[in-house]
C-alpha atoms as a PDB file:
ATOM      1  CA  MET A   1       0.167   0.020  -0.317  1.00  0.00           C
ATOM      2  CA  ASN A   2       1.282   3.344  -0.845  1.00  0.00           C
ATOM      3  CA  LYS A   3       1.092   5.976   1.851  1.00  0.00           C
ATOM      4  CA  ARG A   4       1.228   9.855   0.489  1.00  0.00           C
ATOM      5  CA  ILE A   5       2.026  12.238   2.954  1.00  0.00           C
ATOM      6  CA  LEU A   6       1.861  16.274   2.444  1.00  0.00           C
ATOM      7  CA  VAL A   7       2.622  18.243   5.220  1.00  0.00           C
ATOM      8  CA  ARG A   8       2.954  22.520   4.529  1.00  0.00           C
ATOM      9  CA  VAL A   9       5.276  24.669   6.426  1.00  0.00           C
ATOM     10  CA  GLY A  10       4.907  28.257   6.744  1.00  0.00           C
ATOM     11  CA  GLY A  11       2.764  29.208   3.639  1.00  0.00           C
ATOM     12  CA  ILE A  12       1.125  28.548  -0.243  1.00  0.00           C
ATOM     13  CA  VAL A  13       2.794  25.553  -1.686  1.00  0.00           C
ATOM     14  CA  ALA A  14       3.305  26.872  -4.739  1.00  0.00           C
ATOM     15  CA  GLY A  15       1.276  24.272  -7.302  1.00  0.00           C
ATOM     16  CA  ALA A  16       3.926  23.372 -10.162  1.00  0.00           C
ATOM     17  CA  GLY A  17       7.093  22.956  -7.669  1.00  0.00           C
ATOM     18  CA  LEU A  18       5.223  20.458  -6.025  1.00  0.00           C
ATOM     19  CA  ALA A  19       3.819  18.863  -8.371  1.00  0.00           C
ATOM     20  CA  ALA A  20       7.840  18.606  -9.680  1.00  0.00           C
ATOM     21  CA  ALA A  21       9.106  17.498  -6.737  1.00  0.00           C
ATOM     22  CA  MET A  22       6.416  14.739  -6.733  1.00  0.00           C
ATOM     23  CA  SER A  23       6.718  13.917  -9.996  1.00  0.00           C
ATOM     24  CA  MET A  24      10.621  13.172  -9.616  1.00  0.00           C
ATOM     25  CA  SER A  25      10.611   9.564 -10.762  1.00  0.00           C
ATOM     26  CA  PRO A  26       8.590   6.586 -12.043  1.00  0.00           C
ATOM     27  CA  ALA A  27       6.807   6.004  -9.008  1.00  0.00           C
ATOM     28  CA  SER A  28       5.115   8.630  -6.776  1.00  0.00           C
ATOM     29  CA  ALA A  29       6.449  10.763  -4.099  1.00  0.00           C
ATOM     30  CA  ALA A  30       6.579   9.088  -0.498  1.00  0.00           C
ATOM     31  CA  THR A  31       6.432  12.229   1.071  1.00  0.00           C
ATOM     32  CA  ALA A  32       6.859  16.069   0.425  1.00  0.00           C
ATOM     33  CA  VAL A  33       7.372  18.816   2.231  1.00  0.00           C
ATOM     34  CA  ALA A  34       7.186  22.583   0.844  1.00  0.00           C
ATOM     35  CA  LEU A  35       8.836  25.652   2.904  1.00  0.00           C
ATOM     36  CA  HIS A  36       7.032  28.219   2.103  1.00  0.00           C
ATOM     37  CA  ASP A  37       6.473  29.156  -1.263  1.00  0.00           C
ATOM     38  CA  TRP A  38       9.961  28.885  -1.433  1.00  0.00           C
ATOM     39  CA  GLY A  39      10.651  24.871  -2.840  1.00  0.00           C
ATOM     40  CA  ALA A  40       9.578  22.050  -1.836  1.00  0.00           C
ATOM     41  CA  GLY A  41      11.585  18.255  -1.005  1.00  0.00           C
ATOM     42  CA  ALA A  42      10.172  14.612  -2.048  1.00  0.00           C
ATOM     43  CA  VAL A  43      11.349  11.313  -1.503  1.00  0.00           C
ATOM     44  CA  SER A  44       9.989   8.340  -3.691  1.00  0.00           C
ATOM     45  CA  THR A  45       7.887   5.484  -2.459  1.00  0.00           C
ATOM     46  CA  ASP A  46      10.739   3.391  -2.292  1.00  0.00           C
ATOM     47  CA  LEU A  47      12.420   5.282  -0.576  1.00  0.00           C
ATOM     48  CA  TYR A  48      15.341   5.262  -2.443  1.00  0.00           C
ATOM     49  CA  GLY A  49      15.278   8.863  -4.442  1.00  0.00           C
ATOM     50  CA  VAL A  50      14.781  12.392  -3.589  1.00  0.00           C
ATOM     51  CA  SER A  51      14.572  15.173  -5.255  1.00  0.00           C
ATOM     52  CA  ALA A  52      14.629  19.252  -4.699  1.00  0.00           C
ATOM     53  CA  CYS A  53      12.526  22.191  -6.227  1.00  0.00           C
ATOM     54  CA  ASP A  54      13.226  25.941  -6.252  1.00  0.00           C
ATOM     55  CA  ASN A  55      10.568  27.537  -6.828  1.00  0.00           C
ATOM     56  CA  LYS A  56      10.926  31.134  -6.894  1.00  0.00           C
ATOM     57  CA  ALA A  57      14.047  33.248  -8.615  1.00  0.00           C
ATOM     58  CA  ASP A  58      14.346  34.946  -5.172  1.00  0.00           C
ATOM     59  CA  ASN A  59      18.322  34.374  -4.613  1.00  0.00           C
ATOM     60  CA  ARG A  60      16.964  31.658  -2.272  1.00  0.00           C
ATOM     61  CA  GLY A  61      18.715  27.991  -3.422  1.00  0.00           C
ATOM     62  CA  ILE A  62      16.833  24.851  -1.927  1.00  0.00           C
ATOM     63  CA  ARG A  63      17.714  21.793  -1.220  1.00  0.00           C
ATOM     64  CA  THR A  64      16.696  18.630   0.572  1.00  0.00           C
ATOM     65  CA  GLU A  65      18.773  17.129   3.349  1.00  0.00           C
ATOM     66  CA  TYR A  66      17.981  13.496   4.188  1.00  0.00           C
ATOM     67  CA  ILE A  67      19.722   9.995   6.422  1.00  0.00           C
ATOM     68  CA  THR A  68      19.262   7.161   5.510  1.00  0.00           C
ATOM     69  CA  SER A  69      18.529   3.598   7.469  1.00  0.00           C
ATOM     70  CA  ASN A  70      22.223   2.901   8.933  1.00  0.00           C
ATOM     71  CA  GLY A  71      22.421   6.679  10.059  1.00  0.00           C
ATOM     72  CA  GLY A  72      23.912   8.513   6.661  1.00  0.00           C
ATOM     73  CA  ARG A  73      23.036  11.862   5.549  1.00  0.00           C
ATOM     74  CA  ASP A  74      23.743  13.745   2.572  1.00  0.00           C
ATOM     75  CA  LEU A  75      21.649  16.436   0.310  1.00  0.00           C
ATOM     76  CA  VAL A  76      20.827  17.277  -2.832  1.00  0.00           C
ATOM     77  CA  GLY A  77      20.214  20.482  -4.449  1.00  0.00           C
ATOM     78  CA  ASP A  78      17.891  22.292  -7.123  1.00  0.00           C
ATOM     79  CA  ALA A  79      21.038  23.326  -9.567  1.00  0.00           C
ATOM     80  CA  ASN A  80      19.019  25.194 -12.104  1.00  0.00           C
ATOM     81  CA  GLY A  81      17.662  27.591  -9.424  1.00  0.00           C
ATOM     82  CA  SER A  82      14.320  28.313  -9.832  1.00  0.00           C
ATOM     83  CA  ALA A  83      14.615  27.176 -14.059  1.00  0.00           C
ATOM     84  CA  SER A  84      12.254  23.830 -14.986  1.00  0.00           C
ATOM     85  CA  GLY A  85      13.414  20.771 -12.882  1.00  0.00           C
ATOM     86  CA  CYS A  86      14.703  19.501 -10.533  1.00  0.00           C
ATOM     87  CA  GLY A  87      17.498  17.974  -8.830  1.00  0.00           C
ATOM     88  CA  SER A  88      17.199  14.266  -7.833  1.00  0.00           C
ATOM     89  CA  GLU A  89      19.376  11.657  -7.030  1.00  0.00           C
ATOM     90  CA  SER A  90      19.385   8.023  -5.181  1.00  0.00           C
ATOM     91  CA  SER A  91      19.695   7.306  -1.632  1.00  0.00           C
ATOM     92  CA  TYR A  92      24.291   8.087  -1.793  1.00  0.00           C
ATOM     93  CA  ASN A  93      24.850   5.047   0.395  1.00  0.00           C
ATOM     94  CA  GLY A  94      21.727   2.041  -1.158  1.00  0.00           C
ATOM     95  CA  TYR A  95      20.441   2.796   2.252  1.00  0.00           C
ATOM     96  CA  PRO A  96      16.205   3.972   1.773  1.00  0.00           C
ATOM     97  CA  ILE A  97      15.884   7.251   3.581  1.00  0.00           C
ATOM     98  CA  VAL A  98      13.723   6.925   6.642  1.00  0.00           C
ATOM     99  CA  GLN A  99      13.545  11.390   7.145  1.00  0.00           C
ATOM    100  CA  LEU A 100      14.147  14.017   5.675  1.00  0.00           C
ATOM    101  CA  ARG A 101      13.716  18.076   5.851  1.00  0.00           C
ATOM    102  CA  VAL A 102      14.252  20.744   3.256  1.00  0.00           C
ATOM    103  CA  CYS A 103      16.311  24.301   3.466  1.00  0.00           C
ATOM    104  CA  ALA A 104      16.787  27.532   1.213  1.00  0.00           C
ATOM    105  CA  ARG A 105      19.905  29.075   1.852  1.00  0.00           C
ATOM    106  CA  ASN A 106      20.804  32.705   0.386  1.00  0.00           C
ATOM    107  CA  ALA A 107      22.991  31.806  -2.401  1.00  0.00           C
ATOM    108  CA  SER A 108      24.980  34.989  -2.010  1.00  0.00           C
ATOM    109  CA  THR A 109      26.163  34.444   1.470  1.00  0.00           C
ATOM    110  CA  GLY A 110      25.586  30.865   1.681  1.00  0.00           C
ATOM    111  CA  VAL A 111      24.057  31.146   5.186  1.00  0.00           C
ATOM    112  CA  ASP A 112      20.576  29.105   5.281  1.00  0.00           C
ATOM    113  CA  ILE A 113      17.659  31.045   6.191  1.00  0.00           C
ATOM    114  CA  GLU A 114      15.637  28.466   7.329  1.00  0.00           C
ATOM    115  CA  CYS A 115      14.648  25.094   7.102  1.00  0.00           C
ATOM    116  CA  THR A 116      11.857  22.861   8.451  1.00  0.00           C
ATOM    117  CA  SER A 117      11.206  19.946  11.092  1.00  0.00           C
ATOM    118  CA  TRP A 118      12.971  16.592  10.028  1.00  0.00           C
ATOM    119  CA  TYR A 119       9.769  14.478   8.192  1.00  0.00           C
ATOM    120  CA  SER A 120      10.170  10.519   8.808  1.00  0.00           C
ATOM    121  CA  THR A 121       9.220   9.173   5.748  1.00  0.00           C
ATOM    122  CA  LEU A 122       7.381   5.621   7.063  1.00  0.00           C
END
């Protein structure tokens, strides 16, 4: 059984960006998390795919940080900014992704602006 969780954090989610995050792979997203209308991150239903989508040209870079079942940590960013398409990858160490959060960083200074809480994918 596939479960779908949509968490809205601190504002209205831009539909196109969240739709892009949720279509990151052939499987639909099991968990999608939005940070205001700035961007969103998602983990696929098989728990091995992760994406980050930047929704606005606002000098905020969006990344999805994740933790795998063996405690490994990594992140994926949206390298093309708010242009069409999202950043995505498979779990860097081959273990399922058990937690994620979405963060925004000032693209000029490299300083984090805000992150969501950590969300479980299980």
